[in-house]
Amino acid sequence: MVRFEDERLARKPEEDFNFDDIPNIVHYALGTDPTASYSNGSPVKATRNSDGCTIVYERSKLASGITLMLEVSDDHMRTWKDSTTLGITESVESLTDSDYELVTWTLPKNIPDNLLDRVTQTGPCDLLVWRLLLCG
């Protein structure tokens, strides 16, 4: 896990050290390197199939006090809802001998096509938003 005590990385949680559209606090929660680029644009993997969509990412067990949440909007971002209101479920699997756990969000196939999504976090600074383009 990258240590955020490094003087070069001593930035605000909402800043984006390498301009990859992932805020520093999300890198911290995921245990990813805020200086690295991702070949697919995101450390989150989304897969669409006939049953709906699955979103998978690894979350750092060392990032205590931070919770990532998926929120959705079906009215062009006027209002945001907790993803469970649309039947989206979350499962967490602890990875053995690892500082990470595997988080899976499962979206049912009846999710509206115009659905927008974002990831918010609770913890040291609750106002951060990380916009994802999931299963679109």
N, C-alpha and C. Protein backbone atom coordinates (compact mmCIF):
# COMPACT_ATOMS: atom_id res chain seq x y z
N MET A 1 0.85 -1.18 0.00
CA MET A 1 0.00 0.00 0.00
C MET A 1 0.89 1.23 0.00
N VAL A 2 0.51 2.22 -0.75
CA VAL A 2 1.25 3.47 -0.82
C VAL A 2 1.06 4.21 0.49
N ARG A 3 2.11 4.78 0.98
CA ARG A 3 2.06 5.56 2.21
C ARG A 3 1.80 7.01 1.86
N PHE A 4 0.74 7.55 2.37
CA PHE A 4 0.36 8.91 2.04
C PHE A 4 1.13 9.93 2.87
N GLU A 5 2.02 9.44 3.74
CA GLU A 5 2.85 10.35 4.51
C GLU A 5 3.97 10.94 3.64
N ASP A 6 4.23 10.32 2.49
CA ASP A 6 5.25 10.80 1.56
C ASP A 6 4.98 12.28 1.28
N GLU A 7 6.01 13.10 1.42
CA GLU A 7 5.85 14.55 1.28
C GLU A 7 5.24 14.94 -0.07
N ARG A 8 5.60 14.23 -1.16
CA ARG A 8 5.05 14.57 -2.48
C ARG A 8 3.55 14.34 -2.52
N LEU A 9 3.07 13.42 -1.70
CA LEU A 9 1.66 13.07 -1.73
C LEU A 9 0.85 13.77 -0.66
N ALA A 10 1.50 14.63 0.11
CA ALA A 10 0.81 15.32 1.20
C ALA A 10 -0.11 16.39 0.60
N ARG A 11 -1.18 15.93 0.06
CA ARG A 11 -2.15 16.80 -0.60
C ARG A 11 -3.50 16.64 0.11
N LYS A 12 -4.44 17.44 -0.27
CA LYS A 12 -5.78 17.33 0.29
C LYS A 12 -6.45 16.07 -0.23
N PRO A 13 -7.33 15.47 0.57
CA PRO A 13 -7.99 14.22 0.16
C PRO A 13 -8.77 14.34 -1.14
N GLU A 14 -9.36 15.51 -1.39
CA GLU A 14 -10.18 15.66 -2.60
C GLU A 14 -9.36 15.95 -3.85
N GLU A 15 -8.08 16.23 -3.69
CA GLU A 15 -7.24 16.51 -4.86
C GLU A 15 -6.93 15.22 -5.62
N ASP A 16 -6.45 15.40 -6.82
CA ASP A 16 -6.13 14.28 -7.72
C ASP A 16 -4.67 14.43 -8.14
N PHE A 17 -3.79 13.74 -7.44
CA PHE A 17 -2.35 13.92 -7.61
C PHE A 17 -1.89 13.75 -9.05
N ASN A 18 -2.40 12.72 -9.74
CA ASN A 18 -1.90 12.44 -11.10
C ASN A 18 -2.95 12.72 -12.19
N PHE A 19 -4.01 13.41 -11.84
CA PHE A 19 -5.04 13.83 -12.82
C PHE A 19 -5.67 12.64 -13.54
N ASP A 20 -5.93 11.54 -12.79
CA ASP A 20 -6.59 10.38 -13.37
C ASP A 20 -8.08 10.33 -13.03
N ASP A 21 -8.61 11.43 -12.51
CA ASP A 21 -10.01 11.57 -12.12
C ASP A 21 -10.39 10.72 -10.91
N ILE A 22 -9.39 10.25 -10.16
CA ILE A 22 -9.64 9.50 -8.93
C ILE A 22 -9.05 10.32 -7.79
N PRO A 23 -9.90 10.83 -6.89
CA PRO A 23 -9.40 11.65 -5.78
C PRO A 23 -8.44 10.86 -4.88
N ASN A 24 -7.53 11.56 -4.22
CA ASN A 24 -6.57 10.92 -3.33
C ASN A 24 -7.24 10.04 -2.28
N ILE A 25 -8.37 10.48 -1.73
CA ILE A 25 -9.03 9.70 -0.69
C ILE A 25 -9.54 8.37 -1.22
N VAL A 26 -9.94 8.33 -2.48
CA VAL A 26 -10.39 7.06 -3.08
C VAL A 26 -9.19 6.15 -3.29
N HIS A 27 -8.07 6.71 -3.74
CA HIS A 27 -6.85 5.90 -3.84
C HIS A 27 -6.51 5.30 -2.47
N TYR A 28 -6.63 6.10 -1.43
CA TYR A 28 -6.35 5.62 -0.08
C TYR A 28 -7.30 4.47 0.29
N ALA A 29 -8.59 4.64 0.04
CA ALA A 29 -9.56 3.61 0.37
C ALA A 29 -9.32 2.32 -0.41
N LEU A 30 -8.90 2.47 -1.67
CA LEU A 30 -8.65 1.28 -2.50
C LEU A 30 -7.26 0.70 -2.27
N GLY A 31 -6.39 1.47 -1.63
CA GLY A 31 -5.02 1.01 -1.44
C GLY A 31 -4.21 1.06 -2.71
N THR A 32 -4.59 1.97 -3.61
CA THR A 32 -3.89 2.09 -4.89
C THR A 32 -2.91 3.26 -4.85
N ASP A 33 -2.02 3.25 -5.78
CA ASP A 33 -0.96 4.26 -5.88
C ASP A 33 -1.52 5.52 -6.55
N PRO A 34 -1.55 6.65 -5.84
CA PRO A 34 -2.11 7.87 -6.43
C PRO A 34 -1.24 8.46 -7.53
N THR A 35 -0.04 7.91 -7.72
CA THR A 35 0.83 8.39 -8.80
C THR A 35 0.76 7.50 -10.04
N ALA A 36 0.11 6.35 -9.93
CA ALA A 36 0.05 5.39 -11.05
C ALA A 36 -1.12 5.68 -11.97
N SER A 37 -0.95 5.32 -13.23
CA SER A 37 -2.04 5.40 -14.20
C SER A 37 -2.58 3.99 -14.43
N TYR A 38 -3.84 3.89 -14.75
CA TYR A 38 -4.47 2.60 -14.99
C TYR A 38 -4.73 2.45 -16.47
N SER A 39 -4.31 1.31 -17.02
CA SER A 39 -4.44 1.10 -18.47
C SER A 39 -5.89 1.14 -18.92
N ASN A 40 -6.82 0.71 -18.06
CA ASN A 40 -8.23 0.74 -18.45
C ASN A 40 -8.95 1.96 -17.89
N GLY A 41 -8.21 2.87 -17.26
CA GLY A 41 -8.80 4.10 -16.76
C GLY A 41 -9.36 4.02 -15.36
N SER A 42 -9.43 2.81 -14.76
CA SER A 42 -10.03 2.69 -13.45
C SER A 42 -9.59 1.41 -12.76
N PRO A 43 -9.41 1.47 -11.43
CA PRO A 43 -9.13 0.24 -10.68
C PRO A 43 -10.40 -0.57 -10.41
N VAL A 44 -11.52 -0.08 -10.89
CA VAL A 44 -12.81 -0.75 -10.73
C VAL A 44 -13.17 -1.45 -12.04
N LYS A 45 -13.59 -2.70 -11.94
CA LYS A 45 -13.96 -3.49 -13.13
C LYS A 45 -15.47 -3.65 -13.18
N ALA A 46 -16.07 -3.27 -14.29
CA ALA A 46 -17.51 -3.41 -14.49
C ALA A 46 -17.77 -4.34 -15.66
N THR A 47 -18.70 -5.28 -15.45
CA THR A 47 -19.04 -6.26 -16.48
C THR A 47 -20.55 -6.33 -16.63
N ARG A 48 -21.02 -6.20 -17.87
CA ARG A 48 -22.46 -6.33 -18.14
C ARG A 48 -22.71 -7.71 -18.74
N ASN A 49 -23.80 -8.34 -18.27
CA ASN A 49 -24.21 -9.63 -18.85
C ASN A 49 -25.73 -9.68 -18.87
N SER A 50 -26.30 -10.82 -19.23
CA SER A 50 -27.75 -10.94 -19.38
C SER A 50 -28.48 -10.78 -18.05
N ASP A 51 -27.78 -10.96 -16.93
CA ASP A 51 -28.41 -10.82 -15.62
C ASP A 51 -28.33 -9.41 -15.06
N GLY A 52 -27.58 -8.53 -15.72
CA GLY A 52 -27.42 -7.17 -15.23
C GLY A 52 -25.99 -6.72 -15.35
N CYS A 53 -25.43 -6.25 -14.26
CA CYS A 53 -24.08 -5.72 -14.26
C CYS A 53 -23.42 -6.02 -12.93
N THR A 54 -22.13 -6.30 -12.99
CA THR A 54 -21.35 -6.54 -11.79
C THR A 54 -20.18 -5.55 -11.76
N ILE A 55 -19.98 -4.93 -10.62
CA ILE A 55 -18.89 -3.98 -10.42
C ILE A 55 -18.02 -4.54 -9.30
N VAL A 56 -16.74 -4.71 -9.57
CA VAL A 56 -15.84 -5.33 -8.60
C VAL A 56 -14.62 -4.44 -8.38
N TYR A 57 -14.21 -4.31 -7.13
CA TYR A 57 -12.97 -3.62 -6.82
C TYR A 57 -12.40 -4.18 -5.53
N GLU A 58 -11.10 -3.96 -5.33
CA GLU A 58 -10.46 -4.34 -4.08
C GLU A 58 -10.39 -3.10 -3.19
N ARG A 59 -10.75 -3.31 -1.92
CA ARG A 59 -10.74 -2.22 -0.94
C ARG A 59 -9.69 -2.55 0.12
N SER A 60 -8.93 -1.57 0.51
CA SER A 60 -7.89 -1.77 1.51
C SER A 60 -8.50 -1.94 2.90
N LYS A 61 -8.06 -2.97 3.61
CA LYS A 61 -8.48 -3.16 4.99
C LYS A 61 -7.78 -2.15 5.91
N LEU A 62 -6.69 -1.56 5.43
CA LEU A 62 -5.91 -0.62 6.23
C LEU A 62 -6.51 0.78 6.25
N ALA A 63 -7.44 1.05 5.36
CA ALA A 63 -8.06 2.38 5.27
C ALA A 63 -9.28 2.43 6.19
N SER A 64 -9.02 2.42 7.47
CA SER A 64 -10.12 2.42 8.43
C SER A 64 -10.82 3.78 8.46
N GLY A 65 -12.10 3.74 8.77
CA GLY A 65 -12.86 4.97 8.90
C GLY A 65 -13.39 5.53 7.59
N ILE A 66 -13.21 4.80 6.49
CA ILE A 66 -13.70 5.26 5.19
C ILE A 66 -14.61 4.20 4.61
N THR A 67 -15.78 4.62 4.16
CA THR A 67 -16.72 3.71 3.51
C THR A 67 -17.06 4.27 2.14
N LEU A 68 -16.91 3.45 1.10
CA LEU A 68 -17.32 3.85 -0.25
C LEU A 68 -18.73 3.37 -0.48
N MET A 69 -19.56 4.24 -1.06
CA MET A 69 -20.96 3.90 -1.32
C MET A 69 -21.30 4.21 -2.77
N LEU A 70 -22.09 3.38 -3.37
CA LEU A 70 -22.58 3.62 -4.72
C LEU A 70 -23.92 4.33 -4.62
N GLU A 71 -24.03 5.47 -5.30
CA GLU A 71 -25.28 6.20 -5.37
C GLU A 71 -25.69 6.30 -6.83
N VAL A 72 -26.99 6.38 -7.07
CA VAL A 72 -27.50 6.42 -8.44
C VAL A 72 -28.51 7.54 -8.61
N SER A 73 -28.61 8.01 -9.85
CA SER A 73 -29.60 9.03 -10.19
C SER A 73 -30.28 8.62 -11.48
N ASP A 74 -31.60 8.69 -11.49
CA ASP A 74 -32.34 8.39 -12.71
C ASP A 74 -33.07 9.64 -13.22
N ASP A 75 -32.68 10.81 -12.70
CA ASP A 75 -33.30 12.07 -13.13
C ASP A 75 -32.25 13.12 -13.48
N HIS A 76 -31.23 12.69 -14.18
CA HIS A 76 -30.17 13.57 -14.68
C HIS A 76 -29.46 14.34 -13.55
N MET A 77 -29.18 13.65 -12.47
CA MET A 77 -28.39 14.16 -11.34
C MET A 77 -29.10 15.22 -10.50
N ARG A 78 -30.42 15.31 -10.61
CA ARG A 78 -31.14 16.24 -9.73
C ARG A 78 -31.18 15.69 -8.31
N THR A 79 -31.39 14.38 -8.21
CA THR A 79 -31.38 13.73 -6.89
C THR A 79 -30.54 12.45 -6.99
N TRP A 80 -29.95 12.10 -5.87
CA TRP A 80 -29.14 10.89 -5.78
C TRP A 80 -29.75 9.98 -4.73
N LYS A 81 -29.74 8.68 -5.02
CA LYS A 81 -30.33 7.70 -4.11
C LYS A 81 -29.27 6.67 -3.73
N ASP A 82 -29.45 6.13 -2.53
CA ASP A 82 -28.64 4.99 -2.14
C ASP A 82 -28.94 3.86 -3.13
N SER A 83 -27.92 3.18 -3.57
CA SER A 83 -28.09 2.16 -4.61
C SER A 83 -29.00 1.02 -4.19
N THR A 84 -29.17 0.79 -2.89
CA THR A 84 -30.03 -0.33 -2.47
C THR A 84 -31.50 -0.08 -2.80
N THR A 85 -31.88 1.18 -3.05
CA THR A 85 -33.27 1.47 -3.40
C THR A 85 -33.65 0.91 -4.75
N LEU A 86 -32.66 0.60 -5.59
CA LEU A 86 -32.93 0.02 -6.90
C LEU A 86 -32.57 -1.46 -6.96
N GLY A 87 -32.39 -2.08 -5.81
CA GLY A 87 -32.09 -3.51 -5.78
C GLY A 87 -30.63 -3.84 -6.03
N ILE A 88 -29.76 -2.85 -5.93
CA ILE A 88 -28.33 -3.10 -6.09
C ILE A 88 -27.79 -3.64 -4.77
N THR A 89 -27.07 -4.74 -4.84
CA THR A 89 -26.56 -5.36 -3.63
C THR A 89 -25.04 -5.26 -3.56
N GLU A 90 -24.52 -5.34 -2.35
CA GLU A 90 -23.07 -5.32 -2.14
C GLU A 90 -22.68 -6.56 -1.36
N SER A 91 -21.61 -7.20 -1.80
CA SER A 91 -21.04 -8.31 -1.04
C SER A 91 -19.56 -8.05 -0.85
N VAL A 92 -19.03 -8.51 0.27
CA VAL A 92 -17.63 -8.29 0.61
C VAL A 92 -17.00 -9.63 0.97
N GLU A 93 -15.88 -9.91 0.33
CA GLU A 93 -15.14 -11.14 0.59
C GLU A 93 -13.74 -10.77 1.08
N SER A 94 -13.39 -11.24 2.26
CA SER A 94 -12.06 -10.97 2.79
C SER A 94 -11.06 -11.85 2.06
N LEU A 95 -10.00 -11.24 1.55
CA LEU A 95 -8.97 -11.98 0.84
C LEU A 95 -7.95 -12.50 1.85
N THR A 96 -7.76 -13.80 1.88
CA THR A 96 -6.87 -14.45 2.83
C THR A 96 -5.44 -13.96 2.68
N ASP A 97 -4.78 -13.75 3.80
CA ASP A 97 -3.37 -13.31 3.82
C ASP A 97 -3.15 -12.06 2.97
N SER A 98 -4.08 -11.14 3.05
CA SER A 98 -4.00 -9.93 2.24
C SER A 98 -4.51 -8.73 3.04
N ASP A 99 -4.07 -7.56 2.66
CA ASP A 99 -4.56 -6.32 3.26
C ASP A 99 -5.78 -5.78 2.51
N TYR A 100 -6.37 -6.62 1.64
CA TYR A 100 -7.48 -6.18 0.81
C TYR A 100 -8.69 -7.09 0.98
N GLU A 101 -9.84 -6.54 0.63
CA GLU A 101 -11.06 -7.33 0.54
C GLU A 101 -11.70 -7.04 -0.81
N LEU A 102 -12.39 -8.02 -1.34
CA LEU A 102 -13.02 -7.90 -2.65
C LEU A 102 -14.46 -7.46 -2.46
N VAL A 103 -14.81 -6.32 -3.05
CA VAL A 103 -16.17 -5.78 -2.94
C VAL A 103 -16.85 -5.93 -4.30
N THR A 104 -18.07 -6.47 -4.27
CA THR A 104 -18.84 -6.65 -5.51
C THR A 104 -20.19 -5.98 -5.35
N TRP A 105 -20.49 -5.08 -6.28
CA TRP A 105 -21.83 -4.50 -6.38
C TRP A 105 -22.52 -5.19 -7.55
N THR A 106 -23.73 -5.69 -7.32
CA THR A 106 -24.48 -6.37 -8.36
C THR A 106 -25.72 -5.56 -8.68
N LEU A 107 -25.84 -5.16 -9.95
CA LEU A 107 -26.98 -4.38 -10.42
C LEU A 107 -27.90 -5.30 -11.21
N PRO A 108 -29.19 -5.31 -10.90
CA PRO A 108 -30.12 -6.18 -11.64
C PRO A 108 -30.30 -5.71 -13.08
N LYS A 109 -30.79 -6.60 -13.92
CA LYS A 109 -30.92 -6.26 -15.35
C LYS A 109 -32.00 -5.23 -15.63
N ASN A 110 -32.90 -4.99 -14.70
CA ASN A 110 -33.97 -4.00 -14.93
C ASN A 110 -33.57 -2.58 -14.54
N ILE A 111 -32.28 -2.34 -14.35
CA ILE A 111 -31.80 -0.99 -14.05
C ILE A 111 -32.06 -0.10 -15.27
N PRO A 112 -32.60 1.11 -15.09
CA PRO A 112 -32.89 1.99 -16.23
C PRO A 112 -31.62 2.34 -17.02
N ASP A 113 -31.79 2.48 -18.33
CA ASP A 113 -30.66 2.82 -19.20
C ASP A 113 -30.10 4.21 -18.92
N ASN A 114 -30.94 5.11 -18.43
CA ASN A 114 -30.50 6.48 -18.20
C ASN A 114 -29.88 6.67 -16.81
N LEU A 115 -29.59 5.58 -16.13
CA LEU A 115 -29.06 5.65 -14.78
C LEU A 115 -27.66 6.22 -14.77
N LEU A 116 -27.42 7.18 -13.89
CA LEU A 116 -26.08 7.73 -13.67
C LEU A 116 -25.63 7.25 -12.30
N ASP A 117 -24.33 7.15 -12.12
CA ASP A 117 -23.82 6.63 -10.87
C ASP A 117 -22.64 7.46 -10.38
N ARG A 118 -22.39 7.36 -9.11
CA ARG A 118 -21.24 8.01 -8.51
C ARG A 118 -20.88 7.22 -7.26
N VAL A 119 -19.65 7.37 -6.84
CA VAL A 119 -19.21 6.76 -5.59
C VAL A 119 -18.94 7.90 -4.63
N THR A 120 -19.53 7.82 -3.46
CA THR A 120 -19.26 8.79 -2.42
C THR A 120 -18.57 8.06 -1.28
N GLN A 121 -17.98 8.81 -0.40
CA GLN A 121 -17.32 8.17 0.74
C GLN A 121 -17.67 8.92 2.00
N THR A 122 -17.72 8.17 3.08
CA THR A 122 -17.86 8.79 4.39
C THR A 122 -16.56 8.57 5.13
N GLY A 123 -16.20 9.50 5.92
CA GLY A 123 -14.95 9.42 6.65
C GLY A 123 -14.46 10.82 6.94
N PRO A 124 -13.17 11.06 6.74
CA PRO A 124 -12.58 12.35 7.09
C PRO A 124 -13.18 13.54 6.35
N CYS A 125 -13.65 13.35 5.14
CA CYS A 125 -14.24 14.47 4.38
C CYS A 125 -15.37 13.91 3.54
N ASP A 126 -16.59 14.11 3.99
CA ASP A 126 -17.76 13.48 3.41
C ASP A 126 -18.23 14.04 2.08
N LEU A 127 -17.64 15.09 1.58
CA LEU A 127 -18.17 15.75 0.40
C LEU A 127 -17.61 15.24 -0.92
N LEU A 128 -16.72 14.28 -0.86
CA LEU A 128 -16.07 13.85 -2.09
C LEU A 128 -16.97 12.97 -2.94
N VAL A 129 -16.84 13.14 -4.23
CA VAL A 129 -17.60 12.33 -5.17
C VAL A 129 -16.64 11.83 -6.24
N TRP A 130 -16.77 10.59 -6.59
CA TRP A 130 -15.97 10.01 -7.66
C TRP A 130 -16.95 9.51 -8.70
N ARG A 131 -16.97 10.13 -9.84
CA ARG A 131 -17.92 9.80 -10.92
C ARG A 131 -17.40 8.60 -11.69
N LEU A 132 -18.23 7.59 -11.81
CA LEU A 132 -17.89 6.40 -12.57
C LEU A 132 -18.78 6.30 -13.80
N LEU A 133 -18.30 5.64 -14.80
CA LEU A 133 -19.11 5.29 -15.95
C LEU A 133 -19.25 3.78 -15.89
N LEU A 134 -20.26 3.32 -15.24
CA LEU A 134 -20.40 1.89 -14.95
C LEU A 134 -21.44 1.25 -15.86
N CYS A 135 -21.07 0.17 -16.45
CA CYS A 135 -22.01 -0.70 -17.17
C CYS A 135 -22.86 0.05 -18.16
N GLY A 136 -22.37 1.15 -18.67
CA GLY A 136 -23.17 1.95 -19.59
C GLY A 136 -23.07 1.52 -21.01
